């Protein structure tokens, strides 16, 4: 299980949100907790943003590796050659 992207023990804070009045009325009429729904949606949005940031960092790292390999050859291939047991005679 992954760690949540925020402090679960942090105290709740009263805030003001602007919502579609009809949507909010229907949510309340259905007995749904708008605060819990909003919190879950914010968690999902934060996780999606964190995942995109991570994907961007990985893309940058992969490009840097590809640039390095293009300039210096593949270091893994060098290691495989160095430790190839078929050469040990």
N, C-alpha and C. Protein backbone atom coordinates (compact mmCIF):
# COMPACT_ATOMS: atom_id res chain seq x y z
N UNK A 1 0.84 -1.19 0.00
CA UNK A 1 0.00 0.00 0.00
C UNK A 1 0.88 1.24 0.00
N UNK A 2 0.57 2.19 -0.86
CA UNK A 2 1.35 3.41 -0.95
C UNK A 2 0.99 4.37 0.17
N UNK A 3 1.95 5.22 0.50
CA UNK A 3 1.69 6.25 1.49
C UNK A 3 0.80 7.32 0.88
N UNK A 4 -0.13 7.85 1.66
CA UNK A 4 -0.98 8.91 1.12
C UNK A 4 -0.14 10.16 0.86
N UNK A 5 -0.55 11.00 -0.08
CA UNK A 5 0.25 12.18 -0.43
C UNK A 5 0.07 13.35 0.54
N UNK A 6 -0.50 13.10 1.70
CA UNK A 6 -0.71 14.16 2.67
C UNK A 6 -0.78 13.54 4.07
N UNK A 7 -0.74 14.38 5.09
CA UNK A 7 -0.75 13.94 6.49
C UNK A 7 -2.18 13.58 6.91
N UNK A 8 -2.44 12.29 7.09
CA UNK A 8 -3.78 11.84 7.49
C UNK A 8 -4.16 12.33 8.89
N UNK A 9 -3.16 12.62 9.72
CA UNK A 9 -3.43 13.04 11.10
C UNK A 9 -3.64 14.55 11.21
N UNK A 10 -3.45 15.29 10.12
CA UNK A 10 -3.62 16.74 10.18
C UNK A 10 -5.07 17.08 10.55
N UNK A 11 -5.21 18.15 11.28
CA UNK A 11 -6.56 18.51 11.73
C UNK A 11 -7.37 19.05 10.56
N UNK A 12 -8.67 18.87 10.63
CA UNK A 12 -9.58 19.36 9.59
C UNK A 12 -9.67 20.88 9.69
N UNK A 13 -9.90 21.51 8.54
CA UNK A 13 -10.00 22.96 8.47
C UNK A 13 -11.25 23.32 7.69
N UNK A 14 -12.01 24.25 8.20
CA UNK A 14 -13.20 24.73 7.51
C UNK A 14 -12.75 25.68 6.40
N UNK A 15 -13.23 25.42 5.19
CA UNK A 15 -12.89 26.26 4.04
C UNK A 15 -14.16 26.58 3.28
N UNK A 16 -14.04 27.42 2.29
CA UNK A 16 -15.18 27.76 1.45
C UNK A 16 -14.91 27.28 0.04
N UNK A 17 -15.85 26.54 -0.53
CA UNK A 17 -15.76 26.08 -1.91
C UNK A 17 -16.97 26.60 -2.67
N UNK A 18 -16.78 26.92 -3.91
CA UNK A 18 -17.88 27.33 -4.76
C UNK A 18 -18.26 26.14 -5.63
N UNK A 19 -19.52 25.70 -5.49
CA UNK A 19 -20.01 24.53 -6.22
C UNK A 19 -21.30 24.89 -6.95
N UNK A 20 -21.61 24.11 -7.94
CA UNK A 20 -22.88 24.23 -8.63
C UNK A 20 -23.99 23.96 -7.60
N UNK A 21 -24.92 24.88 -7.47
CA UNK A 21 -25.94 24.77 -6.42
C UNK A 21 -26.85 23.55 -6.62
N UNK A 22 -27.19 23.24 -7.87
CA UNK A 22 -28.04 22.09 -8.13
C UNK A 22 -27.31 20.79 -7.80
N UNK A 23 -26.04 20.73 -8.18
CA UNK A 23 -25.24 19.55 -7.86
C UNK A 23 -25.16 19.34 -6.36
N UNK A 24 -24.86 20.41 -5.63
CA UNK A 24 -24.75 20.30 -4.18
C UNK A 24 -26.09 19.89 -3.56
N UNK A 25 -27.19 20.44 -4.04
CA UNK A 25 -28.51 20.09 -3.51
C UNK A 25 -28.80 18.60 -3.74
N UNK A 26 -28.45 18.09 -4.91
CA UNK A 26 -28.70 16.68 -5.20
C UNK A 26 -27.80 15.76 -4.37
N UNK A 27 -26.58 16.18 -4.13
CA UNK A 27 -25.67 15.40 -3.29
C UNK A 27 -26.23 15.34 -1.86
N UNK A 28 -26.66 16.48 -1.35
CA UNK A 28 -27.23 16.51 0.01
C UNK A 28 -28.51 15.68 0.09
N UNK A 29 -29.37 15.82 -0.93
CA UNK A 29 -30.63 15.07 -0.95
C UNK A 29 -30.37 13.57 -0.99
N UNK A 30 -29.29 13.18 -1.61
CA UNK A 30 -28.94 11.75 -1.68
C UNK A 30 -28.29 11.26 -0.40
N UNK A 31 -28.08 12.17 0.56
CA UNK A 31 -27.49 11.79 1.83
C UNK A 31 -25.98 11.60 1.75
N UNK A 32 -25.38 12.15 0.73
CA UNK A 32 -23.94 12.01 0.55
C UNK A 32 -23.21 13.12 1.30
N UNK A 33 -22.01 12.82 1.74
CA UNK A 33 -21.19 13.77 2.48
C UNK A 33 -20.29 14.51 1.48
N UNK A 34 -20.64 15.77 1.20
CA UNK A 34 -19.90 16.56 0.21
C UNK A 34 -18.45 16.77 0.64
N UNK A 35 -18.20 16.92 1.92
CA UNK A 35 -16.83 17.13 2.39
C UNK A 35 -15.96 15.91 2.11
N UNK A 36 -16.49 14.73 2.37
CA UNK A 36 -15.72 13.50 2.10
C UNK A 36 -15.49 13.31 0.61
N UNK A 37 -16.52 13.63 -0.17
CA UNK A 37 -16.38 13.50 -1.63
C UNK A 37 -15.33 14.48 -2.14
N UNK A 38 -15.38 15.72 -1.66
CA UNK A 38 -14.41 16.73 -2.09
C UNK A 38 -13.00 16.32 -1.68
N UNK A 39 -12.85 15.81 -0.46
CA UNK A 39 -11.52 15.39 0.01
C UNK A 39 -10.99 14.24 -0.85
N UNK A 40 -11.84 13.27 -1.16
CA UNK A 40 -11.42 12.14 -2.00
C UNK A 40 -11.03 12.62 -3.40
N UNK A 41 -11.79 13.57 -3.94
CA UNK A 41 -11.47 14.09 -5.28
C UNK A 41 -10.15 14.85 -5.25
N UNK A 42 -9.89 15.60 -4.18
CA UNK A 42 -8.62 16.32 -4.07
C UNK A 42 -7.45 15.36 -3.93
N UNK A 43 -7.63 14.28 -3.19
CA UNK A 43 -6.58 13.27 -3.06
C UNK A 43 -6.28 12.67 -4.43
N UNK A 44 -7.32 12.32 -5.16
CA UNK A 44 -7.15 11.74 -6.49
C UNK A 44 -6.43 12.72 -7.42
N UNK A 45 -6.80 13.99 -7.38
CA UNK A 45 -6.15 15.00 -8.23
C UNK A 45 -4.69 15.18 -7.84
N UNK A 46 -4.39 15.17 -6.54
CA UNK A 46 -3.01 15.31 -6.08
C UNK A 46 -2.17 14.12 -6.50
N UNK A 47 -2.72 12.92 -6.38
CA UNK A 47 -2.00 11.71 -6.81
C UNK A 47 -1.74 11.74 -8.31
N UNK A 48 -2.71 12.20 -9.09
CA UNK A 48 -2.53 12.29 -10.54
C UNK A 48 -1.44 13.30 -10.88
N UNK A 49 -1.43 14.44 -10.20
CA UNK A 49 -0.40 15.44 -10.43
C UNK A 49 0.98 14.90 -10.04
N UNK A 50 1.08 14.22 -8.88
CA UNK A 50 2.34 13.64 -8.44
C UNK A 50 2.84 12.59 -9.43
N UNK A 51 1.93 11.80 -9.97
CA UNK A 51 2.30 10.78 -10.96
C UNK A 51 2.82 11.43 -12.23
N UNK A 52 2.20 12.52 -12.66
CA UNK A 52 2.66 13.21 -13.86
C UNK A 52 4.03 13.84 -13.64
N UNK A 53 4.26 14.41 -12.47
CA UNK A 53 5.58 14.97 -12.13
C UNK A 53 6.63 13.87 -12.18
N UNK A 54 6.30 12.71 -11.61
CA UNK A 54 7.23 11.58 -11.62
C UNK A 54 7.50 11.11 -13.05
N UNK A 55 6.45 11.01 -13.87
CA UNK A 55 6.64 10.61 -15.27
C UNK A 55 7.55 11.60 -16.01
N UNK A 56 7.39 12.89 -15.74
CA UNK A 56 8.23 13.90 -16.39
C UNK A 56 9.68 13.75 -15.94
N UNK A 57 9.91 13.49 -14.67
CA UNK A 57 11.27 13.28 -14.17
C UNK A 57 11.89 12.04 -14.80
N UNK A 58 11.12 10.99 -14.93
CA UNK A 58 11.63 9.75 -15.55
C UNK A 58 11.96 10.00 -17.02
N UNK A 59 11.10 10.75 -17.73
CA UNK A 59 11.40 11.08 -19.13
C UNK A 59 12.71 11.84 -19.24
N UNK A 60 12.93 12.81 -18.35
CA UNK A 60 14.18 13.58 -18.36
C UNK A 60 15.37 12.66 -18.10
N UNK A 61 15.24 11.77 -17.12
CA UNK A 61 16.32 10.84 -16.80
C UNK A 61 16.61 9.89 -17.96
N UNK A 62 15.56 9.41 -18.61
CA UNK A 62 15.75 8.50 -19.74
C UNK A 62 16.43 9.22 -20.90
N UNK A 63 16.08 10.48 -21.12
CA UNK A 63 16.73 11.25 -22.18
C UNK A 63 18.20 11.47 -21.84
N UNK A 64 18.49 11.78 -20.58
CA UNK A 64 19.89 11.97 -20.17
C UNK A 64 20.67 10.69 -20.37
N UNK A 65 20.09 9.54 -20.04
CA UNK A 65 20.75 8.26 -20.24
C UNK A 65 20.97 7.99 -21.72
N UNK A 66 19.98 8.25 -22.55
CA UNK A 66 20.12 8.04 -23.98
C UNK A 66 21.21 8.94 -24.56
N UNK A 67 21.26 10.20 -24.09
CA UNK A 67 22.30 11.12 -24.54
C UNK A 67 23.68 10.62 -24.12
N UNK A 68 23.78 10.11 -22.89
CA UNK A 68 25.06 9.58 -22.40
C UNK A 68 25.50 8.38 -23.24
N UNK A 69 24.57 7.48 -23.50
CA UNK A 69 24.89 6.28 -24.29
C UNK A 69 25.30 6.67 -25.70
N UNK A 70 24.63 7.66 -26.27
CA UNK A 70 24.98 8.11 -27.62
C UNK A 70 26.40 8.68 -27.67
N UNK A 71 26.81 9.32 -26.59
CA UNK A 71 28.13 9.93 -26.55
C UNK A 71 29.23 8.98 -26.08
N UNK A 72 28.91 8.09 -25.13
CA UNK A 72 29.93 7.27 -24.48
C UNK A 72 29.75 5.77 -24.67
N UNK A 73 28.80 5.34 -25.41
CA UNK A 73 28.44 3.92 -25.56
C UNK A 73 27.73 3.42 -24.30
N UNK A 74 27.22 2.21 -24.37
CA UNK A 74 26.41 1.62 -23.30
C UNK A 74 27.31 1.07 -22.20
N UNK A 75 27.26 1.64 -20.97
CA UNK A 75 28.10 1.12 -19.89
C UNK A 75 27.73 -0.31 -19.50
N UNK A 76 26.49 -0.69 -19.67
CA UNK A 76 26.08 -2.06 -19.33
C UNK A 76 26.74 -3.07 -20.27
N UNK A 77 26.88 -2.70 -21.54
CA UNK A 77 27.54 -3.59 -22.50
C UNK A 77 29.00 -3.77 -22.12
N UNK A 78 29.64 -2.69 -21.67
CA UNK A 78 31.03 -2.79 -21.23
C UNK A 78 31.15 -3.74 -20.04
N UNK A 79 30.25 -3.63 -19.10
CA UNK A 79 30.29 -4.51 -17.93
C UNK A 79 30.06 -5.96 -18.33
N UNK A 80 29.11 -6.19 -19.25
CA UNK A 80 28.87 -7.57 -19.69
C UNK A 80 30.14 -8.14 -20.33
N UNK A 81 30.84 -7.35 -21.11
CA UNK A 81 32.08 -7.80 -21.74
C UNK A 81 33.14 -8.08 -20.68
N UNK A 82 33.24 -7.21 -19.67
CA UNK A 82 34.25 -7.38 -18.63
C UNK A 82 34.04 -8.66 -17.84
N UNK A 83 32.80 -9.00 -17.57
CA UNK A 83 32.48 -10.13 -16.70
C UNK A 83 31.94 -11.33 -17.45
N UNK A 84 32.15 -11.40 -18.76
CA UNK A 84 31.68 -12.52 -19.57
C UNK A 84 32.49 -13.75 -19.20
N UNK A 85 31.83 -14.78 -18.63
CA UNK A 85 32.57 -15.98 -18.22
C UNK A 85 33.17 -16.75 -19.38
N UNK A 86 32.70 -16.55 -20.58
CA UNK A 86 33.26 -17.28 -21.72
C UNK A 86 34.67 -16.81 -22.07
N UNK A 87 35.04 -15.60 -21.63
CA UNK A 87 36.38 -15.10 -21.88
C UNK A 87 37.39 -15.60 -20.86
N UNK A 88 36.95 -16.15 -19.75
CA UNK A 88 37.85 -16.60 -18.70
C UNK A 88 38.39 -17.98 -19.02
N UNK A 89 39.50 -18.03 -19.71
CA UNK A 89 40.13 -19.33 -20.02
C UNK A 89 41.57 -19.30 -19.65
